[in-house]
Amino acid sequence: MARIDHRTPEYNTTANPVHLQGTFAVERSFNDLTFTPIHLTGAYHITRYYKDTYDAVDRMMQIFRKSREWYSREMQRSAMHPTICKMLQNPEQAQWLTDWREMILEYPHVADLDATKIAFTENEAKGVADRQTVTTLGKYIKRHAPDIPDHVLRDMVMLSVAEVTITHNLQEMIDAVQNGPRSCMQGGFRTHPYNVYDPKYGWHMAVRREGDSIVGRCLCLEHNGRKMFVRSYRTNENGYSHSDEGMNAWLEERGYTHESEWPWGAQLAAIRCGGELVLPYIDGGCTTCREDSDCLVLDGDGEWDGDNTNGYASGGANRCSCDECGDYFDDGDGTYVGYHEDHHVCDDCSSGYTYAYGRNGHQYYVSDDDVISVGYEYYDSNYLSDNNIVFCEHGDEYHDMDDCTVLETGEWVHNDDIHNGDFVCLDADNGVWAYKSDCWQCAGTDQWYSTDTGSDYYAQSWTGADGKLYHEDELPDAVEEADRTFSYDSVCTALFHGVELHCHHVTQFIDKLYA
């Protein structure tokens, strides 16, 4: 049975033929931008987007509202999920949709009992019965955009769950450093090094929280009309804090640019403690600064260097401190590790790193705690999808995606296990591999079928006179109709899926119903 019967006569009345093909027009932009209607995104969120997209989406929603009472009910109850609204407005995301109208007809919205989940109306019958299906945002988007790139889907999902705030309060910034993701700037400093990032010079911080915990932070700067950041941090209980990709996407969506270093000319507060110049470890390529009257100015030729983890500036041009242990070593020695190769460690500490494939398929030194091996190659466990590496639960091993097959459940299985067929089978209805434990086998054809009654491809099984299971189309000719095993649940399922029933089945169903 199809997911949802949306091809009614009203369905194809949208005027724009480009949209009727399920493709968003992106050849030109419109000057007459309009506001998203309140019923689409909720009064709390107003976004400007292409007028042609607005017209098609709004017209389609009004068609569905007028032709289906249950759709009108859903619109009155909840606003459409904000991430789905953004996807329909964004041509780069919307291009991956197989049918944007079907997504609108399912009216996806934030689940009532779990704000991190999405609820939608799976088919007409469930719409009339007021039954919504709840799933994760990522699975729902994959339902309508199966070929969407992993990195696009990741950013969409992380943006939907990120609770990020911007603070211009210096003490709140320092608290986020001290109580947030682990870094070298945490500690019992006499004067905390982050005091130099005075908001009057344009410095501020993005902070991401989960409940009462600070799980992400990112120092930001507004300088000469531009908003930027260099490095974000997210909580990692295993040690070194990696970049917070969700926060990066959140900031970029709001006009910030991700830079490799802070710009020359950016100012810092000049603070001395015990006769020494206070300076934090400065992320990025430009770590030196010069004194200028009552402040410090970032300058590639500056005499002071923010390359220490002890909270004070160093003045040695040819010495640097290890980002792991803090010991000094010659600038020409050591190893630069991490994706941006901005983490400089001494030779002793570099023994804990392995040259591996990581983000975007690039190779760089990765902490041994985050390295896995596949064959004779090493990979950063945080970016396996960038390198087509998947985890197979059966066998508890990592493998190349090309050597594996994805099951109906979304799990991966190595092709050797598929060929052996010990625990997997091919669902004859939808051509997808699944666990045998989730299927049943027809005695007449030896083919397998899903036992999931909620599946679009669910096939009714009948027990023949010989006690074996048969597909409803494969019952032996000798089996009389009255020999079919009757069950209350099977008739309910058959009625729901439109399976033809014989008179004695209906009679038994009525007797059972009024028993």
Protein backbone atom coordinates (compact mmCIF):
# COMPACT_ATOMS: atom_id res chain seq x y z
CA MET A 1 0.00 0.00 0.00
CA ALA A 2 1.24 3.46 -0.83
CA ARG A 3 2.35 5.70 2.01
CA ILE A 4 -0.43 8.19 1.44
CA ASP A 5 -3.01 8.77 -1.27
CA HIS A 6 -2.15 12.30 -2.31
CA ARG A 7 -2.87 12.22 -6.04
CA THR A 8 -6.41 13.58 -5.81
CA PRO A 9 -7.79 15.83 -8.57
CA GLU A 10 -6.86 18.84 -6.43
CA TYR A 11 -3.27 17.67 -6.09
CA ASN A 12 -2.05 18.86 -9.48
CA THR A 13 -3.58 22.33 -9.43
CA THR A 14 -0.44 24.24 -8.52
CA ALA A 15 0.20 26.69 -11.30
CA ASN A 16 3.97 26.51 -11.57
CA PRO A 17 4.96 23.55 -13.83
CA VAL A 18 8.48 23.57 -12.36
CA HIS A 19 7.05 22.80 -8.95
CA LEU A 20 4.75 20.14 -10.41
CA GLN A 21 7.91 18.29 -11.34
CA GLY A 22 9.00 18.40 -7.70
CA THR A 23 11.91 20.73 -8.48
CA PHE A 24 12.44 24.16 -6.96
CA ALA A 25 13.27 27.00 -9.34
CA VAL A 26 16.63 28.52 -8.57
CA GLU A 27 17.49 30.26 -11.86
CA ARG A 28 16.68 33.72 -10.55
CA SER A 29 15.83 35.40 -7.29
CA PHE A 30 12.83 37.61 -6.66
CA ASN A 31 12.95 41.17 -5.41
CA ASP A 32 9.43 40.88 -3.99
CA LEU A 33 10.42 38.59 -1.13
CA THR A 34 7.57 37.74 1.20
CA PHE A 35 7.13 36.55 4.78
CA THR A 36 6.38 32.96 5.67
CA PRO A 37 2.73 32.72 6.86
CA ILE A 38 2.12 32.14 10.55
CA HIS A 39 0.31 28.84 9.95
CA LEU A 40 3.44 27.43 8.29
CA THR A 41 6.17 28.19 10.80
CA GLY A 42 4.46 29.61 13.89
CA ALA A 43 4.31 33.20 15.05
CA TYR A 44 7.68 32.92 16.73
CA HIS A 45 9.65 32.40 13.52
CA ILE A 46 9.45 34.62 10.43
CA THR A 47 11.71 33.95 7.48
CA ARG A 48 11.97 35.56 4.01
CA TYR A 49 12.35 33.23 1.07
CA TYR A 50 11.61 32.87 -2.66
CA LYS A 51 8.14 34.06 -3.60
CA ASP A 52 7.59 31.23 -6.08
CA THR A 53 8.36 28.68 -3.37
CA TYR A 54 5.99 30.42 -0.97
CA ASP A 55 3.16 30.45 -3.53
CA ALA A 56 3.49 26.74 -4.34
CA VAL A 57 3.83 25.56 -0.73
CA ASP A 58 1.03 27.76 0.56
CA ARG A 59 -1.31 26.81 -2.30
CA MET A 60 -0.63 23.13 -1.74
CA MET A 61 -1.35 23.41 1.99
CA GLN A 62 -4.63 25.21 1.32
CA ILE A 63 -5.67 22.51 -1.16
CA PHE A 64 -4.98 19.78 1.40
CA ARG A 65 -6.71 21.75 4.16
CA LYS A 66 -9.88 22.19 2.13
CA SER A 67 -10.00 18.58 0.89
CA ARG A 68 -9.20 16.81 4.17
CA GLU A 69 -10.74 17.52 7.56
CA TRP A 70 -7.87 15.80 9.36
CA TYR A 71 -5.32 18.03 7.63
CA SER A 72 -7.16 21.14 8.77
CA ARG A 73 -7.16 19.70 12.30
CA GLU A 74 -3.37 19.16 12.24
CA MET A 75 -2.76 22.70 10.99
CA GLN A 76 -4.79 24.13 13.86
CA ARG A 77 -2.96 22.00 16.42
CA SER A 78 0.67 22.58 15.53
CA ALA A 79 2.99 24.59 13.34
CA MET A 80 4.89 22.66 10.70
CA HIS A 81 8.34 21.57 11.93
CA PRO A 82 10.75 24.55 11.55
CA THR A 83 13.51 22.40 10.06
CA ILE A 84 11.12 21.13 7.37
CA CYS A 85 10.04 24.71 6.66
CA LYS A 86 13.67 25.72 6.21
CA MET A 87 14.25 22.73 3.93
CA LEU A 88 11.34 23.73 1.68
CA GLN A 89 12.73 27.27 1.54
CA ASN A 90 16.33 26.28 0.82
CA PRO A 91 16.92 25.12 -2.80
CA GLU A 92 20.20 23.43 -1.83
CA GLN A 93 18.29 21.18 0.59
CA ALA A 94 14.96 20.94 -1.24
CA GLN A 95 16.61 19.62 -4.41
CA TRP A 96 17.07 16.23 -2.70
CA LEU A 97 13.35 15.73 -2.03
CA THR A 98 11.69 13.00 -4.09
CA ASP A 99 8.27 14.64 -3.78
CA TRP A 100 7.94 17.82 -1.68
CA ARG A 101 4.13 17.73 -1.91
CA GLU A 102 3.95 14.35 -0.21
CA MET A 103 6.05 15.75 2.66
CA ILE A 104 3.64 18.68 3.03
CA LEU A 105 0.65 16.30 3.04
CA GLU A 106 2.15 14.33 5.93
CA TYR A 107 2.26 17.63 7.89
CA PRO A 108 5.40 16.93 9.95
CA HIS A 109 5.59 18.81 13.24
CA VAL A 110 7.42 18.69 16.58
CA ALA A 111 6.34 15.62 18.57
CA ASP A 112 4.20 16.52 21.58
CA LEU A 113 6.02 14.33 24.12
CA ASP A 114 9.59 14.71 22.82
CA ALA A 115 10.70 17.98 21.26
CA THR A 116 13.74 16.25 19.71
CA LYS A 117 11.46 13.97 17.63
CA ILE A 118 9.17 14.65 14.68
CA ALA A 119 5.56 13.48 14.28
CA PHE A 120 3.76 13.04 10.96
CA THR A 121 0.60 11.52 9.45
CA GLU A 122 1.71 8.42 7.59
CA ASN A 123 -1.41 7.74 5.50
CA GLU A 124 -5.03 8.72 4.98
CA ALA A 125 -6.39 6.11 7.38
CA LYS A 126 -4.14 7.31 10.19
CA GLY A 127 -5.10 10.88 9.43
CA VAL A 128 -8.80 10.08 9.86
CA ALA A 129 -8.02 8.03 12.97
CA ASP A 130 -5.88 10.86 14.40
CA ARG A 131 -2.78 8.67 14.72
CA GLN A 132 0.64 10.19 14.13
CA THR A 133 3.93 8.37 13.65
CA VAL A 134 6.88 9.60 15.72
CA THR A 135 10.49 9.21 14.57
CA THR A 136 13.81 11.04 14.60
CA LEU A 137 14.31 14.07 12.39
CA GLY A 138 17.16 12.41 10.48
CA LYS A 139 15.12 9.30 9.63
CA TYR A 140 12.18 11.42 8.53
CA ILE A 141 14.25 13.55 6.16
CA LYS A 142 15.87 10.38 4.75
CA ARG A 143 12.32 9.07 4.11
CA HIS A 144 11.74 11.88 1.60
CA ALA A 145 15.34 12.57 0.54
CA PRO A 146 17.13 9.19 0.49
CA ASP A 147 20.08 10.56 -1.49
CA ILE A 148 20.72 13.67 0.61
CA PRO A 149 24.47 13.96 1.42
CA ASP A 150 25.43 12.97 4.97
CA HIS A 151 27.02 16.32 5.79
CA VAL A 152 23.92 18.25 4.68
CA LEU A 153 21.67 16.01 6.78
CA ARG A 154 24.03 16.25 9.76
CA ASP A 155 23.97 20.05 9.77
CA MET A 156 20.16 20.14 9.40
CA VAL A 157 19.68 17.80 12.36
CA MET A 158 22.27 19.49 14.57
CA LEU A 159 20.82 22.92 13.84
CA SER A 160 17.41 21.69 14.95
CA VAL A 161 18.63 20.49 18.36
CA ALA A 162 21.29 23.11 19.07
CA GLU A 163 20.38 25.45 21.92
CA VAL A 164 22.96 28.17 21.36
CA THR A 165 23.03 31.63 22.89
CA ILE A 166 25.38 34.58 22.35
CA THR A 167 26.82 36.36 25.37
CA HIS A 168 28.73 39.65 25.49
CA ASN A 169 29.28 39.35 29.24
CA LEU A 170 32.96 38.76 30.05
CA GLN A 171 32.28 36.80 33.25
CA GLU A 172 29.79 34.52 31.46
CA MET A 173 32.44 33.92 28.79
CA ILE A 174 35.00 32.92 31.42
CA ASP A 175 32.45 30.68 33.19
CA ALA A 176 31.76 28.91 29.88
CA VAL A 177 35.49 28.23 29.50
CA GLN A 178 35.91 27.01 33.08
CA ASN A 179 32.74 24.87 33.19
CA GLY A 180 32.41 23.83 29.55
CA PRO A 181 34.36 21.59 27.15
CA ARG A 182 37.83 20.67 28.29
CA SER A 183 40.68 22.90 27.14
CA CYS A 184 44.07 24.21 28.20
CA MET A 185 42.47 27.44 29.39
CA GLN A 186 40.76 25.73 32.33
CA GLY A 187 42.54 26.05 35.63
CA GLY A 188 43.26 28.09 38.74
CA PHE A 189 44.81 31.16 37.10
CA ARG A 190 45.46 34.21 39.28
CA THR A 191 43.93 36.26 36.47
CA HIS A 192 42.02 34.23 33.93
CA PRO A 193 43.61 34.69 30.45
CA TYR A 194 40.22 35.22 28.79
CA ASN A 195 39.97 38.60 30.52
CA VAL A 196 41.88 39.97 27.53
CA TYR A 197 38.85 39.25 25.29
CA ASP A 198 37.07 42.40 26.41
CA PRO A 199 33.64 42.75 24.70
CA LYS A 200 34.34 46.45 24.08
CA TYR A 201 36.78 45.30 21.39
CA GLY A 202 34.11 43.19 19.68
CA TRP A 203 34.73 39.87 21.43
CA HIS A 204 31.79 37.70 22.46
CA MET A 205 31.01 34.00 22.82
CA ALA A 206 28.48 31.46 21.54
CA VAL A 207 27.51 28.94 24.23
CA ARG A 208 25.57 25.69 23.69
CA ARG A 209 23.77 24.08 26.61
CA GLU A 210 22.02 20.77 27.20
CA GLY A 211 19.94 21.23 30.31
CA ASP A 212 22.19 22.81 32.93
CA SER A 213 25.41 21.64 31.27
CA ILE A 214 27.59 23.71 28.93
CA VAL A 215 28.48 21.29 26.12
CA GLY A 216 29.87 23.69 23.52
CA ARG A 217 31.49 27.11 23.23
CA CYS A 218 33.03 29.28 20.57
CA LEU A 219 34.85 32.61 20.90
CA CYS A 220 33.59 35.10 18.30
CA LEU A 221 34.66 38.52 17.06
CA GLU A 222 32.96 41.37 15.25
CA HIS A 223 35.70 43.37 13.52
CA ASN A 224 35.45 45.97 10.75
CA GLY A 225 31.82 45.03 10.04
CA ARG A 226 32.50 41.28 9.83
CA LYS A 227 31.48 38.53 12.25
CA MET A 228 33.83 35.56 12.53
CA PHE A 229 35.08 32.66 14.60
CA VAL A 230 38.20 30.47 14.50
CA ARG A 231 37.66 27.48 16.77
CA SER A 232 34.70 25.90 18.55
CA TYR A 233 34.82 23.33 21.32
CA ARG A 234 32.40 20.56 22.22
CA THR A 235 32.40 18.30 25.26
CA ASN A 236 34.39 15.11 24.87
CA GLU A 237 34.71 12.97 27.98
CA ASN A 238 37.72 11.17 26.52
CA GLY A 239 40.02 14.19 26.59
CA TYR A 240 40.82 16.63 23.77
CA SER A 241 37.75 18.66 22.79
CA HIS A 242 36.87 18.50 19.11
CA SER A 243 35.16 21.21 17.09
CA ASP A 244 31.43 21.61 17.64
CA GLU A 245 30.11 21.12 14.09
CA GLY A 246 26.55 21.93 15.14
CA MET A 247 27.61 25.27 16.61
CA ASN A 248 29.70 26.02 13.51
CA ALA A 249 26.63 25.51 11.32
CA TRP A 250 24.50 27.60 13.70
CA LEU A 251 26.97 30.50 13.54
CA GLU A 252 27.44 30.32 9.77
CA GLU A 253 23.67 30.42 9.31
CA ARG A 254 23.71 33.71 11.22
CA GLY A 255 26.35 35.38 9.07
CA TYR A 256 29.57 34.36 10.83
CA THR A 257 32.53 33.16 8.76
CA HIS A 258 34.87 30.38 9.84
CA GLU A 259 38.41 31.77 9.63
CA SER A 260 41.78 30.07 10.06
CA GLU A 261 43.10 32.92 12.23
CA TRP A 262 42.01 36.14 13.90
CA PRO A 263 42.58 39.23 11.75
CA TRP A 264 45.57 41.47 12.20
CA GLY A 265 44.47 44.66 13.90
CA ALA A 266 41.98 43.00 16.27
CA GLN A 267 42.43 44.42 19.78
CA LEU A 268 42.85 42.73 23.17
CA ALA A 269 42.90 44.17 26.67
CA ALA A 270 46.44 44.70 28.05
CA ILE A 271 46.55 43.12 31.51
CA ARG A 272 49.59 42.40 33.68
CA CYS A 273 49.72 40.11 36.67
CA GLY A 274 52.85 39.84 38.83
CA GLY A 275 54.78 41.78 36.21
CA GLU A 276 53.91 39.32 33.40
CA LEU A 277 51.67 40.01 30.41
CA VAL A 278 48.43 37.98 30.61
CA LEU A 279 47.64 36.21 27.36
CA PRO A 280 45.68 33.02 26.63
CA TYR A 281 46.59 30.36 24.13
CA ILE A 282 45.34 32.01 20.92
CA ASP A 283 43.68 29.63 18.46
CA GLY A 284 44.50 29.91 14.77
CA GLY A 285 47.47 30.97 12.72
CA CYS A 286 48.09 34.47 14.11
CA THR A 287 49.12 34.15 17.76
CA THR A 288 51.41 37.19 18.11
CA CYS A 289 50.54 40.71 19.14
CA ARG A 290 52.13 44.08 19.88
CA GLU A 291 51.46 46.63 22.57
CA ASP A 292 49.68 49.78 21.47
CA SER A 293 49.00 52.41 24.18
CA ASP A 294 46.41 50.82 26.48
CA CYS A 295 45.69 47.62 24.51
CA LEU A 296 47.26 44.77 22.56
CA VAL A 297 46.88 44.45 18.80
CA LEU A 298 47.12 41.18 16.91
CA ASP A 299 50.03 41.45 14.52
CA GLY A 300 51.99 38.77 12.69
CA ASP A 301 55.18 40.66 13.50
CA GLY A 302 54.28 41.33 17.14
CA GLU A 303 56.80 40.79 19.93
CA TRP A 304 54.41 38.93 22.25
CA ASP A 305 53.15 35.43 21.51
CA GLY A 306 49.97 33.78 22.78
CA ASP A 307 51.35 30.27 22.42
CA ASN A 308 51.42 29.34 26.12
CA THR A 309 48.95 27.33 28.16
CA ASN A 310 50.08 28.87 31.45
CA GLY A 311 48.12 32.11 30.90
CA TYR A 312 51.07 34.37 30.14
CA ALA A 313 52.66 35.62 26.92
CA SER A 314 55.98 34.36 25.69
CA GLY A 315 58.53 36.58 24.00
CA GLY A 316 60.86 33.96 22.51
CA ALA A 317 60.69 33.96 18.73
CA ASN A 318 62.04 30.42 18.28
CA ARG A 319 60.44 28.62 21.22
CA CYS A 320 56.93 27.29 21.62
CA SER A 321 55.09 25.25 24.24
CA CYS A 322 53.48 21.89 23.65
CA ASP A 323 49.69 22.09 23.45
CA GLU A 324 49.48 18.79 25.34
CA CYS A 325 52.01 18.96 28.20
CA GLY A 326 53.02 22.64 28.15
CA ASP A 327 56.75 21.94 27.84
CA TYR A 328 58.81 24.21 25.57
CA PHE A 329 60.56 22.99 22.45
CA ASP A 330 62.15 24.44 19.32
CA ASP A 331 59.58 25.77 16.89
CA GLY A 332 60.97 23.63 14.07
CA ASP A 333 60.42 20.43 16.05
CA GLY A 334 57.26 18.71 17.15
CA THR A 335 54.18 17.81 15.10
CA TYR A 336 51.05 19.71 14.08
CA VAL A 337 47.99 17.55 14.73
CA GLY A 338 44.23 17.82 14.15
CA TYR A 339 42.21 18.63 11.02
CA HIS A 340 43.39 22.25 10.90
CA GLU A 341 46.88 21.20 12.02
CA ASP A 342 46.71 23.99 14.58
CA HIS A 343 47.49 21.79 17.60
CA HIS A 344 51.31 21.76 18.02
CA VAL A 345 52.69 18.97 20.21
CA CYS A 346 56.23 17.99 21.18
CA ASP A 347 57.88 14.78 20.02
CA ASP A 348 57.04 12.97 23.25
CA CYS A 349 53.34 13.77 22.98
CA SER A 350 53.19 13.10 19.22
CA SER A 351 53.70 9.39 19.94
CA GLY A 352 50.02 9.35 20.97
CA TYR A 353 48.89 10.36 17.46
CA THR A 354 48.47 8.42 14.21
CA TYR A 355 48.39 9.73 10.65
CA ALA A 356 44.88 8.83 9.54
CA TYR A 357 42.08 9.69 7.12
CA GLY A 358 39.58 12.09 8.69
CA ARG A 359 37.30 14.98 7.85
CA ASN A 360 36.50 15.35 4.12
CA GLY A 361 38.86 12.43 3.40
CA HIS A 362 41.95 14.44 4.35
CA GLN A 363 44.88 12.89 6.19
CA TYR A 364 46.25 14.41 9.38
CA TYR A 365 47.48 13.33 12.80
CA VAL A 366 44.65 12.05 14.98
CA SER A 367 44.70 11.09 18.66
CA ASP A 368 45.10 7.34 19.07
CA ASP A 369 41.94 7.38 21.20
CA ASP A 370 39.97 8.35 18.08
CA VAL A 371 41.66 6.05 15.55
CA ILE A 372 40.24 2.82 14.12
CA SER A 373 41.87 0.58 11.53
CA VAL A 374 40.26 -1.01 8.48
CA GLY A 375 42.57 -3.27 6.53
CA TYR A 376 45.90 -1.49 6.36
CA GLU A 377 44.49 2.06 6.70
CA TYR A 378 43.68 4.24 9.72
CA TYR A 379 40.63 6.49 10.13
CA ASP A 380 39.38 9.20 12.49
CA SER A 381 36.37 7.65 14.24
CA ASN A 382 34.63 11.05 14.27
CA TYR A 383 34.53 11.27 10.45
CA LEU A 384 33.93 7.70 9.29
CA SER A 385 31.10 8.70 6.93
CA ASP A 386 33.49 11.09 5.14
CA ASN A 387 35.58 8.04 4.23
CA ASN A 388 32.78 5.51 3.51
CA ILE A 389 33.51 3.49 6.64
CA VAL A 390 30.58 1.84 8.42
CA PHE A 391 30.17 -0.20 11.61
CA CYS A 392 28.74 -3.72 11.37
CA GLU A 393 27.14 -4.78 14.64
CA HIS A 394 27.25 -8.41 13.61
CA GLY A 395 30.94 -9.07 14.12
CA ASP A 396 31.48 -5.77 15.96
CA GLU A 397 33.85 -4.50 13.24
CA TYR A 398 34.35 -1.54 10.91
CA HIS A 399 34.39 -2.11 7.14
CA ASP A 400 34.46 -0.21 3.88
CA MET A 401 30.91 0.68 2.82
CA ASP A 402 31.48 -0.87 -0.62
CA ASP A 403 32.03 -4.24 1.07
CA CYS A 404 28.77 -4.06 3.02
CA THR A 405 25.00 -4.04 2.53
CA VAL A 406 22.49 -1.99 4.47
CA LEU A 407 19.56 -3.84 6.03
CA GLU A 408 15.93 -2.70 6.21
CA THR A 409 16.66 -1.53 9.78
CA GLY A 410 19.46 0.77 8.62
CA GLU A 411 22.18 -1.47 10.06
CA TRP A 412 25.15 -2.55 7.98
CA VAL A 413 26.22 -6.15 7.37
CA HIS A 414 29.40 -7.33 5.65
CA ASN A 415 28.76 -8.93 2.25
CA ASP A 416 30.37 -12.18 3.41
CA ASP A 417 27.59 -12.52 5.98
CA ILE A 418 24.99 -11.63 3.34
CA HIS A 419 26.25 -14.39 1.04
CA ASN A 420 26.33 -16.93 3.86
CA GLY A 421 22.69 -16.13 4.61
CA ASP A 422 22.87 -17.48 8.14
CA PHE A 423 20.84 -14.70 9.73
CA VAL A 424 19.72 -12.40 6.88
CA CYS A 425 17.25 -12.77 4.04
CA LEU A 426 15.92 -10.76 1.10
CA ASP A 427 12.44 -9.34 1.66
CA ALA A 428 10.65 -10.42 -1.54
CA ASP A 429 8.23 -7.50 -1.44
CA ASN A 430 10.62 -4.56 -1.35
CA GLY A 431 13.95 -6.14 -2.33
CA VAL A 432 15.67 -5.04 0.90
CA TRP A 433 17.80 -7.28 3.09
CA ALA A 434 16.51 -7.88 6.61
CA TYR A 435 17.06 -10.11 9.64
CA LYS A 436 15.42 -13.52 9.33
CA SER A 437 14.13 -13.01 12.86
CA ASP A 438 12.01 -10.11 11.52
CA CYS A 439 10.57 -12.12 8.60
CA TRP A 440 8.62 -15.27 7.78
CA GLN A 441 9.19 -17.74 4.93
CA CYS A 442 6.57 -18.95 2.47
CA ALA A 443 6.50 -22.77 2.35
CA GLY A 444 5.43 -22.67 -1.27
CA THR A 445 8.17 -20.44 -2.72
CA ASP A 446 10.80 -20.30 0.07
CA GLN A 447 10.70 -16.52 -0.27
CA TRP A 448 10.84 -14.28 2.80
CA TYR A 449 8.45 -11.51 3.84
CA SER A 450 8.48 -8.88 6.60
CA THR A 451 6.48 -9.53 9.79
CA ASP A 452 6.13 -5.79 10.36
CA THR A 453 2.40 -5.15 9.97
CA GLY A 454 3.07 -1.43 9.75
CA SER A 455 5.29 -1.83 6.69
CA ASP A 456 4.14 -0.46 3.34
CA TYR A 457 5.00 -3.86 1.90
CA TYR A 458 3.38 -6.07 4.55
CA ALA A 459 2.16 -9.37 3.04
CA GLN A 460 -0.52 -11.41 4.87
CA SER A 461 0.49 -14.98 5.75
CA TRP A 462 -1.97 -17.87 5.97
CA THR A 463 -1.55 -21.27 7.58
CA GLY A 464 -2.42 -24.08 5.22
CA ALA A 465 -3.99 -27.41 6.08
CA ASP A 466 -0.48 -28.82 6.35
CA GLY A 467 0.30 -26.40 9.19
CA LYS A 468 2.84 -24.41 7.15
CA LEU A 469 2.86 -20.67 6.39
CA TYR A 470 2.02 -19.52 2.90
CA HIS A 471 1.85 -16.18 1.14
CA GLU A 472 -1.80 -15.34 0.49
CA ASP A 473 -1.16 -15.74 -3.26
CA GLU A 474 0.66 -19.06 -2.86
CA LEU A 475 -1.83 -21.28 -0.98
CA PRO A 476 -1.87 -24.83 -2.44
CA ASP A 477 -4.87 -25.49 -4.70
CA ALA A 478 -5.96 -28.36 -2.50
CA VAL A 479 -6.42 -26.13 0.50
CA GLU A 480 -10.07 -25.25 1.00
CA GLU A 481 -11.01 -21.71 1.90
CA ALA A 482 -12.41 -22.91 5.23
CA ASP A 483 -9.02 -24.38 6.14
CA ARG A 484 -7.40 -20.96 6.40
CA THR A 485 -6.52 -20.26 10.00
CA PHE A 486 -8.60 -17.37 11.28
CA SER A 487 -7.33 -14.86 13.81
CA TYR A 488 -8.83 -11.61 15.00
CA ASP A 489 -5.56 -9.71 14.46
CA SER A 490 -5.04 -11.11 10.94
CA VAL A 491 -8.52 -10.03 9.79
CA CYS A 492 -8.03 -6.57 11.30
CA THR A 493 -4.74 -6.29 9.45
CA ALA A 494 -6.31 -7.58 6.22
CA LEU A 495 -9.13 -5.05 6.43
CA PHE A 496 -6.64 -2.22 7.04
CA HIS A 497 -4.58 -3.21 4.02
CA GLY A 498 -7.56 -3.80 1.72
CA VAL A 499 -7.13 -7.59 1.42
CA GLU A 500 -10.18 -9.43 0.07
CA LEU A 501 -11.92 -11.54 2.74
CA HIS A 502 -14.32 -14.44 2.25
CA CYS A 503 -17.74 -14.59 3.87
CA HIS A 504 -16.79 -17.08 6.59
CA HIS A 505 -13.90 -14.81 7.63
CA VAL A 506 -16.20 -11.81 7.96
CA THR A 507 -18.73 -13.90 9.91
CA GLN A 508 -16.07 -15.09 12.33
CA PHE A 509 -14.76 -11.52 12.64
CA ILE A 510 -18.25 -10.23 13.57
CA ASP A 511 -18.79 -13.07 16.05
CA LYS A 512 -15.42 -12.29 17.66
CA LEU A 513 -16.18 -8.57 17.75
CA TYR A 514 -19.49 -9.01 19.60
CA ALA A 515 -18.43 -11.95 21.77
